[in-house]
N, C-alpha and C. Protein backbone atom coordinates (compact mmCIF):
# COMPACT_ATOMS: atom_id res chain seq x y z
N MET A 1 31.37 -9.54 73.40
CA MET A 1 30.60 -8.38 73.79
C MET A 1 29.97 -8.67 75.15
N ALA A 2 30.11 -7.75 76.07
CA ALA A 2 29.57 -7.94 77.41
C ALA A 2 28.06 -7.75 77.40
N MET A 3 27.44 -8.31 78.44
CA MET A 3 25.98 -8.25 78.55
C MET A 3 25.49 -6.79 78.64
N ASN A 4 26.20 -5.95 79.37
CA ASN A 4 25.79 -4.55 79.50
C ASN A 4 25.88 -3.81 78.17
N GLU A 5 26.86 -4.16 77.36
CA GLU A 5 26.98 -3.53 76.04
C GLU A 5 25.82 -3.92 75.14
N ILE A 6 25.41 -5.17 75.22
CA ILE A 6 24.28 -5.63 74.41
C ILE A 6 23.00 -4.93 74.86
N LYS A 7 22.81 -4.81 76.18
CA LYS A 7 21.63 -4.10 76.70
C LYS A 7 21.61 -2.66 76.23
N ASP A 8 22.75 -1.99 76.33
CA ASP A 8 22.83 -0.60 75.87
C ASP A 8 22.54 -0.49 74.39
N PHE A 9 23.10 -1.42 73.61
CA PHE A 9 22.88 -1.43 72.17
C PHE A 9 21.39 -1.58 71.84
N LEU A 10 20.71 -2.53 72.48
CA LEU A 10 19.29 -2.75 72.22
C LEU A 10 18.44 -1.56 72.65
N LEU A 11 18.81 -0.94 73.76
CA LEU A 11 18.07 0.22 74.22
C LEU A 11 18.23 1.40 73.26
N TRP A 12 19.46 1.63 72.78
CA TRP A 12 19.68 2.70 71.80
C TRP A 12 18.97 2.40 70.48
N CYS A 13 18.98 1.16 70.07
CA CYS A 13 18.25 0.78 68.84
C CYS A 13 16.75 1.08 68.99
N ALA A 14 16.19 0.74 70.14
CA ALA A 14 14.77 1.01 70.38
C ALA A 14 14.50 2.51 70.36
N CYS A 15 15.36 3.29 70.99
CA CYS A 15 15.17 4.75 71.02
C CYS A 15 15.23 5.34 69.62
N ILE A 16 16.20 4.92 68.84
CA ILE A 16 16.35 5.43 67.47
C ILE A 16 15.15 5.01 66.61
N ASN A 17 14.72 3.77 66.76
CA ASN A 17 13.57 3.30 65.98
C ASN A 17 12.29 4.03 66.37
N TYR A 18 12.10 4.30 67.65
CA TYR A 18 10.92 5.06 68.06
C TYR A 18 11.00 6.50 67.57
N ALA A 19 12.20 7.06 67.48
CA ALA A 19 12.35 8.41 66.92
C ALA A 19 11.95 8.42 65.44
N VAL A 20 12.37 7.39 64.70
CA VAL A 20 11.98 7.28 63.29
C VAL A 20 10.46 7.14 63.18
N LEU A 21 9.86 6.33 64.04
CA LEU A 21 8.40 6.17 64.02
C LEU A 21 7.70 7.48 64.35
N LEU A 22 8.22 8.23 65.29
CA LEU A 22 7.64 9.51 65.65
C LEU A 22 7.74 10.53 64.51
N VAL A 23 8.87 10.56 63.83
CA VAL A 23 9.03 11.46 62.68
C VAL A 23 8.06 11.07 61.57
N TRP A 24 7.93 9.77 61.32
CA TRP A 24 6.99 9.28 60.32
C TRP A 24 5.57 9.73 60.66
N PHE A 25 5.17 9.57 61.93
CA PHE A 25 3.83 9.94 62.36
C PHE A 25 3.61 11.45 62.23
N ILE A 26 4.58 12.24 62.66
CA ILE A 26 4.45 13.70 62.58
C ILE A 26 4.34 14.15 61.13
N LEU A 27 5.19 13.59 60.26
CA LEU A 27 5.09 13.94 58.84
C LEU A 27 3.74 13.54 58.26
N TYR A 28 3.25 12.38 58.66
CA TYR A 28 1.96 11.92 58.16
C TYR A 28 0.84 12.85 58.62
N VAL A 29 0.88 13.27 59.88
CA VAL A 29 -0.19 14.13 60.40
C VAL A 29 -0.11 15.54 59.82
N LEU A 30 1.09 16.11 59.78
CA LEU A 30 1.24 17.50 59.38
C LEU A 30 1.31 17.71 57.86
N ALA A 31 1.82 16.73 57.14
CA ALA A 31 2.01 16.90 55.69
C ALA A 31 1.33 15.80 54.91
N ARG A 32 0.16 15.37 55.37
CA ARG A 32 -0.54 14.25 54.72
C ARG A 32 -0.90 14.55 53.28
N ASP A 33 -1.42 15.74 53.03
CA ASP A 33 -1.83 16.09 51.66
C ASP A 33 -0.63 16.15 50.72
N TRP A 34 0.47 16.71 51.20
CA TRP A 34 1.68 16.77 50.38
C TRP A 34 2.21 15.37 50.09
N LEU A 35 2.23 14.52 51.12
CA LEU A 35 2.69 13.14 50.92
C LEU A 35 1.79 12.40 49.93
N TYR A 36 0.48 12.61 50.07
CA TYR A 36 -0.45 11.94 49.16
C TYR A 36 -0.26 12.42 47.72
N SER A 37 -0.07 13.71 47.53
CA SER A 37 0.13 14.21 46.17
C SER A 37 1.45 13.72 45.58
N MET A 38 2.48 13.62 46.43
CA MET A 38 3.77 13.14 45.95
C MET A 38 3.68 11.66 45.55
N HIS A 39 3.06 10.85 46.41
CA HIS A 39 2.93 9.43 46.09
C HIS A 39 1.90 9.20 44.99
N GLY A 40 0.94 10.11 44.88
CA GLY A 40 -0.07 9.99 43.83
C GLY A 40 0.50 10.14 42.44
N ARG A 41 1.63 10.82 42.34
CA ARG A 41 2.29 10.94 41.02
C ARG A 41 2.87 9.60 40.57
N TRP A 42 3.33 8.82 41.52
CA TRP A 42 4.01 7.56 41.19
C TRP A 42 3.08 6.36 41.16
N PHE A 43 2.09 6.37 42.06
CA PHE A 43 1.20 5.20 42.21
C PHE A 43 -0.25 5.66 42.13
N ARG A 44 -1.08 4.79 41.68
CA ARG A 44 -2.52 5.08 41.64
C ARG A 44 -3.11 4.62 42.96
N LEU A 45 -3.26 5.57 43.90
CA LEU A 45 -3.76 5.26 45.22
C LEU A 45 -5.00 6.07 45.53
N SER A 46 -5.94 5.45 46.19
CA SER A 46 -7.06 6.21 46.74
C SER A 46 -6.62 6.78 48.08
N VAL A 47 -7.36 7.74 48.58
CA VAL A 47 -7.03 8.32 49.88
C VAL A 47 -7.14 7.26 50.97
N GLU A 48 -8.15 6.41 50.88
CA GLU A 48 -8.32 5.35 51.87
C GLU A 48 -7.18 4.35 51.81
N GLY A 49 -6.75 4.01 50.60
CA GLY A 49 -5.62 3.09 50.44
C GLY A 49 -4.33 3.68 50.98
N PHE A 50 -4.12 4.96 50.72
CA PHE A 50 -2.94 5.66 51.23
C PHE A 50 -2.93 5.64 52.76
N ASP A 51 -4.08 5.95 53.37
CA ASP A 51 -4.17 5.93 54.84
C ASP A 51 -3.93 4.53 55.39
N ALA A 52 -4.51 3.53 54.74
CA ALA A 52 -4.34 2.15 55.20
C ALA A 52 -2.89 1.69 55.10
N ILE A 53 -2.21 2.07 54.04
CA ILE A 53 -0.81 1.68 53.88
C ILE A 53 0.04 2.30 54.98
N HIS A 54 -0.16 3.58 55.26
CA HIS A 54 0.64 4.23 56.30
C HIS A 54 0.30 3.69 57.69
N TYR A 55 -0.97 3.50 57.98
CA TYR A 55 -1.36 2.96 59.28
C TYR A 55 -0.80 1.56 59.47
N SER A 56 -0.91 0.72 58.44
CA SER A 56 -0.37 -0.64 58.53
C SER A 56 1.14 -0.63 58.65
N GLY A 57 1.79 0.22 57.88
CA GLY A 57 3.25 0.31 57.95
C GLY A 57 3.73 0.72 59.33
N MET A 58 3.07 1.72 59.93
CA MET A 58 3.45 2.14 61.27
C MET A 58 3.21 1.03 62.29
N ALA A 59 2.12 0.30 62.14
CA ALA A 59 1.82 -0.79 63.07
C ALA A 59 2.86 -1.91 62.95
N ILE A 60 3.22 -2.28 61.73
CA ILE A 60 4.22 -3.34 61.52
C ILE A 60 5.58 -2.89 62.04
N TYR A 61 5.92 -1.63 61.81
CA TYR A 61 7.20 -1.10 62.29
C TYR A 61 7.25 -1.12 63.82
N LYS A 62 6.13 -0.74 64.46
CA LYS A 62 6.08 -0.75 65.92
C LYS A 62 6.19 -2.18 66.46
N ILE A 63 5.53 -3.12 65.84
CA ILE A 63 5.63 -4.52 66.26
C ILE A 63 7.07 -5.01 66.10
N GLY A 64 7.73 -4.60 65.01
CA GLY A 64 9.14 -4.97 64.82
C GLY A 64 10.03 -4.41 65.91
N ILE A 65 9.78 -3.17 66.33
CA ILE A 65 10.56 -2.58 67.41
C ILE A 65 10.36 -3.37 68.69
N LEU A 66 9.12 -3.71 68.97
CA LEU A 66 8.84 -4.46 70.19
C LEU A 66 9.51 -5.83 70.18
N LEU A 67 9.36 -6.54 69.07
CA LEU A 67 9.88 -7.91 69.01
C LEU A 67 11.40 -7.98 68.87
N LEU A 68 11.99 -7.06 68.15
CA LEU A 68 13.42 -7.15 67.85
C LEU A 68 14.30 -6.34 68.78
N ASN A 69 13.73 -5.38 69.51
CA ASN A 69 14.55 -4.55 70.39
C ASN A 69 14.13 -4.65 71.85
N LEU A 70 12.86 -4.45 72.13
CA LEU A 70 12.43 -4.35 73.52
C LEU A 70 12.29 -5.70 74.22
N VAL A 71 11.82 -6.71 73.52
CA VAL A 71 11.70 -8.03 74.14
C VAL A 71 13.08 -8.61 74.47
N PRO A 72 14.05 -8.57 73.53
CA PRO A 72 15.39 -9.05 73.92
C PRO A 72 16.01 -8.21 75.05
N PHE A 73 15.77 -6.90 75.05
CA PHE A 73 16.27 -6.04 76.13
C PHE A 73 15.66 -6.47 77.46
N ALA A 74 14.36 -6.69 77.49
CA ALA A 74 13.69 -7.11 78.72
C ALA A 74 14.19 -8.48 79.17
N ALA A 75 14.41 -9.39 78.23
CA ALA A 75 14.92 -10.71 78.59
C ALA A 75 16.31 -10.63 79.20
N LEU A 76 17.15 -9.76 78.64
CA LEU A 76 18.51 -9.60 79.19
C LEU A 76 18.47 -8.93 80.57
N CYS A 77 17.49 -8.05 80.77
CA CYS A 77 17.37 -7.41 82.08
C CYS A 77 16.90 -8.39 83.15
N LEU A 78 16.19 -9.43 82.76
CA LEU A 78 15.69 -10.42 83.72
C LEU A 78 16.77 -11.42 84.14
N ILE A 79 17.83 -11.52 83.37
CA ILE A 79 18.92 -12.43 83.71
C ILE A 79 19.71 -11.83 84.85
N PRO A 80 19.91 -12.60 85.94
CA PRO A 80 20.66 -12.04 87.07
C PRO A 80 22.14 -11.88 86.81
């Protein structure tokens, strides 16, 4: 696999992952009550616990995008 193909692959992976993160955030903001009621049927969660789980999940997902997609992309871009 050529270096340019790997760079393109990592960039597309980052874009797709950020799109997933954006959809997750929009659903959380716009349909929070519906999500809470749906998850409340399956798990015993407080509202604060539900918020903390989603906030933590989004933060971990964003860190994963940075470490697994953007840092390798930046490193490959620095190679002459």
